């Protein structure tokens, strides 16, 4: 969050067939820093939800082995805020 209380993030969801899916994404452990008193952003996350409903999270740089009916979700991190929250 920033002084104007804005935040930005994107969610991508893919329904998949059997595949090996490479994922290369950053900011999974360390959040983007805020500036000028703004709060740090959120970290991102990647996970696979299996056809049976189990959810597995993993590193930003990984190979995901998925099967038909699985769903891969990549949540991008929001950037750090700018300016103090009022």
N, C-alpha and C. Protein backbone atom coordinates (compact mmCIF):
# COMPACT_ATOMS: atom_id res chain seq x y z
N UNK A 1 0.84 -1.19 0.00
CA UNK A 1 0.00 0.00 0.00
C UNK A 1 0.87 1.23 0.00
N UNK A 2 0.31 2.28 -0.55
CA UNK A 2 1.01 3.55 -0.60
C UNK A 2 0.08 4.63 -0.06
N UNK A 3 0.53 5.86 -0.16
CA UNK A 3 -0.26 6.98 0.34
C UNK A 3 -1.65 7.05 -0.27
N UNK A 4 -1.78 6.61 -1.53
CA UNK A 4 -3.10 6.65 -2.15
C UNK A 4 -3.82 5.30 -2.05
N UNK A 5 -3.28 4.40 -1.19
CA UNK A 5 -3.86 3.09 -0.91
C UNK A 5 -4.02 2.21 -2.14
N UNK A 6 -3.15 2.39 -3.11
CA UNK A 6 -3.23 1.55 -4.30
C UNK A 6 -2.38 0.30 -4.11
N UNK A 7 -2.74 -0.75 -4.81
CA UNK A 7 -1.98 -1.99 -4.83
C UNK A 7 -2.20 -2.63 -6.18
N UNK A 8 -1.21 -3.34 -6.67
CA UNK A 8 -1.35 -3.98 -7.97
C UNK A 8 -0.78 -5.39 -7.91
N UNK A 9 -1.51 -6.33 -8.42
CA UNK A 9 -1.05 -7.71 -8.55
C UNK A 9 -1.89 -8.37 -9.62
N UNK A 10 -1.38 -9.44 -10.19
CA UNK A 10 -2.12 -10.17 -11.21
C UNK A 10 -2.15 -11.64 -10.84
N UNK A 11 -3.21 -12.32 -11.23
CA UNK A 11 -3.35 -13.75 -11.01
C UNK A 11 -3.56 -14.40 -12.36
N UNK A 12 -2.72 -15.39 -12.68
CA UNK A 12 -2.86 -16.17 -13.90
C UNK A 12 -3.22 -17.59 -13.50
N UNK A 13 -4.26 -18.14 -14.09
CA UNK A 13 -4.66 -19.52 -13.80
C UNK A 13 -4.71 -20.28 -15.11
N UNK A 14 -4.06 -21.44 -15.15
CA UNK A 14 -4.03 -22.27 -16.34
C UNK A 14 -4.60 -23.64 -16.03
N UNK A 15 -5.57 -24.11 -16.83
CA UNK A 15 -6.05 -25.48 -16.75
C UNK A 15 -5.20 -26.27 -17.73
N UNK A 16 -4.64 -27.38 -17.29
CA UNK A 16 -3.58 -28.03 -18.05
C UNK A 16 -3.88 -29.46 -18.44
N UNK A 17 -3.20 -29.88 -19.51
CA UNK A 17 -3.09 -31.28 -19.87
C UNK A 17 -1.80 -31.78 -19.25
N UNK A 18 -1.48 -33.04 -19.44
CA UNK A 18 -0.22 -33.57 -18.90
C UNK A 18 0.94 -32.80 -19.51
N UNK A 19 1.84 -32.29 -18.64
CA UNK A 19 2.95 -31.49 -19.13
C UNK A 19 4.00 -31.31 -18.04
N UNK A 20 5.15 -30.87 -18.46
CA UNK A 20 6.17 -30.36 -17.55
C UNK A 20 6.20 -28.86 -17.78
N UNK A 21 5.91 -28.09 -16.77
CA UNK A 21 5.74 -26.66 -16.89
C UNK A 21 6.89 -25.94 -16.19
N UNK A 22 7.74 -25.24 -16.94
CA UNK A 22 8.79 -24.47 -16.27
C UNK A 22 8.23 -23.15 -15.76
N UNK A 23 8.61 -22.77 -14.56
CA UNK A 23 8.18 -21.49 -14.00
C UNK A 23 9.44 -20.74 -13.57
N UNK A 24 9.54 -19.52 -13.99
CA UNK A 24 10.66 -18.66 -13.61
C UNK A 24 10.06 -17.35 -13.13
N UNK A 25 9.98 -17.19 -11.83
CA UNK A 25 9.34 -16.02 -11.25
C UNK A 25 10.11 -15.58 -10.01
N UNK A 26 10.21 -14.30 -9.81
CA UNK A 26 10.94 -13.77 -8.67
C UNK A 26 10.01 -13.26 -7.58
N UNK A 27 10.61 -12.75 -6.53
CA UNK A 27 9.90 -12.16 -5.39
C UNK A 27 8.97 -13.15 -4.71
N UNK A 28 9.46 -14.36 -4.50
CA UNK A 28 8.67 -15.37 -3.80
C UNK A 28 9.01 -15.44 -2.32
N UNK A 29 10.22 -14.99 -1.94
CA UNK A 29 10.62 -15.01 -0.53
C UNK A 29 10.77 -13.61 0.05
N UNK A 30 11.27 -12.68 -0.74
CA UNK A 30 11.52 -11.31 -0.27
C UNK A 30 10.58 -10.36 -1.01
N UNK A 31 9.77 -9.64 -0.26
CA UNK A 31 8.78 -8.73 -0.85
C UNK A 31 9.47 -7.52 -1.48
N UNK A 32 8.88 -6.93 -2.53
CA UNK A 32 9.41 -5.69 -3.09
C UNK A 32 9.31 -4.57 -2.05
N UNK A 33 10.37 -3.80 -1.93
CA UNK A 33 10.43 -2.75 -0.90
C UNK A 33 9.60 -1.53 -1.30
N UNK A 34 9.02 -0.89 -0.31
CA UNK A 34 8.34 0.38 -0.52
C UNK A 34 9.34 1.52 -0.58
N UNK A 35 8.89 2.68 -1.05
CA UNK A 35 9.75 3.87 -1.14
C UNK A 35 9.04 5.05 -0.48
N UNK A 36 9.82 6.00 -0.02
CA UNK A 36 9.29 7.25 0.56
C UNK A 36 8.27 6.98 1.65
N UNK A 37 8.52 5.93 2.45
CA UNK A 37 7.61 5.61 3.56
C UNK A 37 6.50 4.65 3.21
N UNK A 38 6.43 4.23 1.95
CA UNK A 38 5.40 3.27 1.55
C UNK A 38 5.69 1.88 2.10
N UNK A 39 4.64 1.08 2.25
CA UNK A 39 4.80 -0.27 2.77
C UNK A 39 5.40 -1.19 1.72
N UNK A 40 6.03 -2.27 2.19
CA UNK A 40 6.53 -3.28 1.27
C UNK A 40 5.35 -3.93 0.54
N UNK A 41 5.61 -4.40 -0.67
CA UNK A 41 4.59 -5.14 -1.41
C UNK A 41 4.43 -6.55 -0.86
N UNK A 42 3.60 -7.32 -1.48
CA UNK A 42 3.40 -8.72 -1.09
C UNK A 42 4.30 -9.60 -1.93
N UNK A 43 4.65 -10.76 -1.41
CA UNK A 43 5.38 -11.73 -2.21
C UNK A 43 4.40 -12.45 -3.13
N UNK A 44 4.92 -13.00 -4.21
CA UNK A 44 4.10 -13.79 -5.12
C UNK A 44 4.09 -15.25 -4.68
N UNK A 45 3.28 -16.05 -5.35
CA UNK A 45 3.21 -17.48 -5.05
C UNK A 45 2.84 -18.24 -6.31
N UNK A 46 3.37 -19.43 -6.43
CA UNK A 46 2.99 -20.36 -7.49
C UNK A 46 2.46 -21.61 -6.81
N UNK A 47 1.41 -22.20 -7.37
CA UNK A 47 0.96 -23.48 -6.86
C UNK A 47 0.21 -24.25 -7.92
N UNK A 48 0.11 -25.55 -7.68
CA UNK A 48 -0.68 -26.45 -8.52
C UNK A 48 -1.78 -27.03 -7.65
N UNK A 49 -2.99 -26.96 -8.16
CA UNK A 49 -4.12 -27.64 -7.50
C UNK A 49 -4.41 -28.88 -8.35
N UNK A 50 -4.28 -30.04 -7.73
CA UNK A 50 -4.48 -31.28 -8.48
C UNK A 50 -5.97 -31.50 -8.77
N UNK A 51 -6.24 -32.39 -9.70
CA UNK A 51 -7.63 -32.72 -10.03
C UNK A 51 -8.38 -33.26 -8.80
N UNK A 52 -7.63 -33.81 -7.83
CA UNK A 52 -8.24 -34.33 -6.60
C UNK A 52 -8.46 -33.23 -5.56
N UNK A 53 -7.99 -32.00 -5.83
CA UNK A 53 -8.23 -30.88 -4.93
C UNK A 53 -7.07 -30.54 -4.00
N UNK A 54 -5.98 -31.29 -4.04
CA UNK A 54 -4.82 -30.99 -3.21
C UNK A 54 -4.04 -29.83 -3.81
N UNK A 55 -3.55 -28.93 -2.97
CA UNK A 55 -2.79 -27.79 -3.46
C UNK A 55 -1.34 -27.90 -3.00
N UNK A 56 -0.40 -27.72 -3.95
CA UNK A 56 1.03 -27.78 -3.67
C UNK A 56 1.66 -26.46 -4.09
N UNK A 57 2.37 -25.81 -3.18
CA UNK A 57 3.08 -24.59 -3.54
C UNK A 57 4.55 -24.93 -3.75
N UNK A 58 5.26 -24.03 -4.41
CA UNK A 58 6.66 -24.30 -4.67
C UNK A 58 7.44 -23.04 -4.95
N UNK A 59 8.69 -23.23 -5.27
CA UNK A 59 9.61 -22.13 -5.52
C UNK A 59 9.24 -21.39 -6.81
N UNK A 60 9.75 -20.18 -6.93
CA UNK A 60 9.51 -19.40 -8.14
C UNK A 60 10.23 -19.95 -9.35
N UNK A 61 11.34 -20.62 -9.12
CA UNK A 61 12.10 -21.23 -10.21
C UNK A 61 12.01 -22.74 -10.04
N UNK A 62 11.17 -23.36 -10.83
CA UNK A 62 10.91 -24.79 -10.65
C UNK A 62 10.34 -25.40 -11.91
N UNK A 63 10.40 -26.72 -12.00
CA UNK A 63 9.69 -27.48 -13.02
C UNK A 63 8.51 -28.14 -12.33
N UNK A 64 7.33 -27.91 -12.88
CA UNK A 64 6.11 -28.47 -12.32
C UNK A 64 5.65 -29.61 -13.22
N UNK A 65 5.44 -30.78 -12.65
CA UNK A 65 4.93 -31.93 -13.40
C UNK A 65 3.43 -31.99 -13.14
N UNK A 66 2.65 -31.73 -14.16
CA UNK A 66 1.20 -31.64 -14.00
C UNK A 66 0.52 -32.69 -14.86
N UNK A 67 -0.70 -33.02 -14.47
CA UNK A 67 -1.50 -34.00 -15.19
C UNK A 67 -2.79 -33.34 -15.66
N UNK A 68 -3.47 -34.00 -16.58
CA UNK A 68 -4.75 -33.50 -17.06
C UNK A 68 -5.68 -33.26 -15.88
N UNK A 69 -6.33 -32.11 -15.85
CA UNK A 69 -7.25 -31.77 -14.77
C UNK A 69 -6.61 -30.94 -13.67
N UNK A 70 -5.27 -30.85 -13.65
CA UNK A 70 -4.59 -30.00 -12.67
C UNK A 70 -4.69 -28.54 -13.10
N UNK A 71 -4.59 -27.65 -12.16
CA UNK A 71 -4.61 -26.21 -12.42
C UNK A 71 -3.35 -25.59 -11.85
N UNK A 72 -2.64 -24.81 -12.66
CA UNK A 72 -1.45 -24.08 -12.20
C UNK A 72 -1.85 -22.63 -11.99
N UNK A 73 -1.49 -22.08 -10.85
CA UNK A 73 -1.80 -20.68 -10.57
C UNK A 73 -0.53 -19.94 -10.21
N UNK A 74 -0.32 -18.82 -10.86
CA UNK A 74 0.82 -17.95 -10.61
C UNK A 74 0.25 -16.62 -10.15
N UNK A 75 0.59 -16.22 -8.94
CA UNK A 75 0.16 -14.93 -8.40
C UNK A 75 1.36 -14.01 -8.37
N UNK A 76 1.31 -12.95 -9.14
CA UNK A 76 2.43 -12.03 -9.19
C UNK A 76 2.45 -11.16 -7.93
N UNK A 77 3.63 -10.74 -7.51
CA UNK A 77 3.70 -9.87 -6.34
C UNK A 77 3.25 -8.46 -6.69
N UNK A 78 2.63 -7.79 -5.74
CA UNK A 78 2.35 -6.37 -5.92
C UNK A 78 3.65 -5.60 -5.70
N UNK A 79 3.80 -4.48 -6.34
CA UNK A 79 4.98 -3.65 -6.11
C UNK A 79 4.93 -3.00 -4.75
N UNK A 80 6.06 -2.50 -4.30
CA UNK A 80 6.09 -1.77 -3.04
C UNK A 80 5.35 -0.44 -3.17
N UNK A 81 4.81 0.02 -2.07
CA UNK A 81 4.06 1.29 -2.07
C UNK A 81 5.00 2.50 -2.11
N UNK A 82 4.44 3.65 -2.42
CA UNK A 82 5.19 4.90 -2.43
C UNK A 82 4.44 5.92 -1.60
N UNK A 83 5.10 6.49 -0.62
CA UNK A 83 4.48 7.50 0.25
C UNK A 83 3.79 6.87 1.44
N UNK A 84 3.72 7.64 2.52
CA UNK A 84 3.12 7.14 3.77
C UNK A 84 1.63 6.94 3.61
N UNK A 85 1.11 5.86 4.24
CA UNK A 85 -0.32 5.60 4.27
C UNK A 85 -0.96 6.61 5.19
N UNK A 86 -2.05 7.24 4.74
CA UNK A 86 -2.72 8.28 5.52
C UNK A 86 -3.92 7.73 6.24
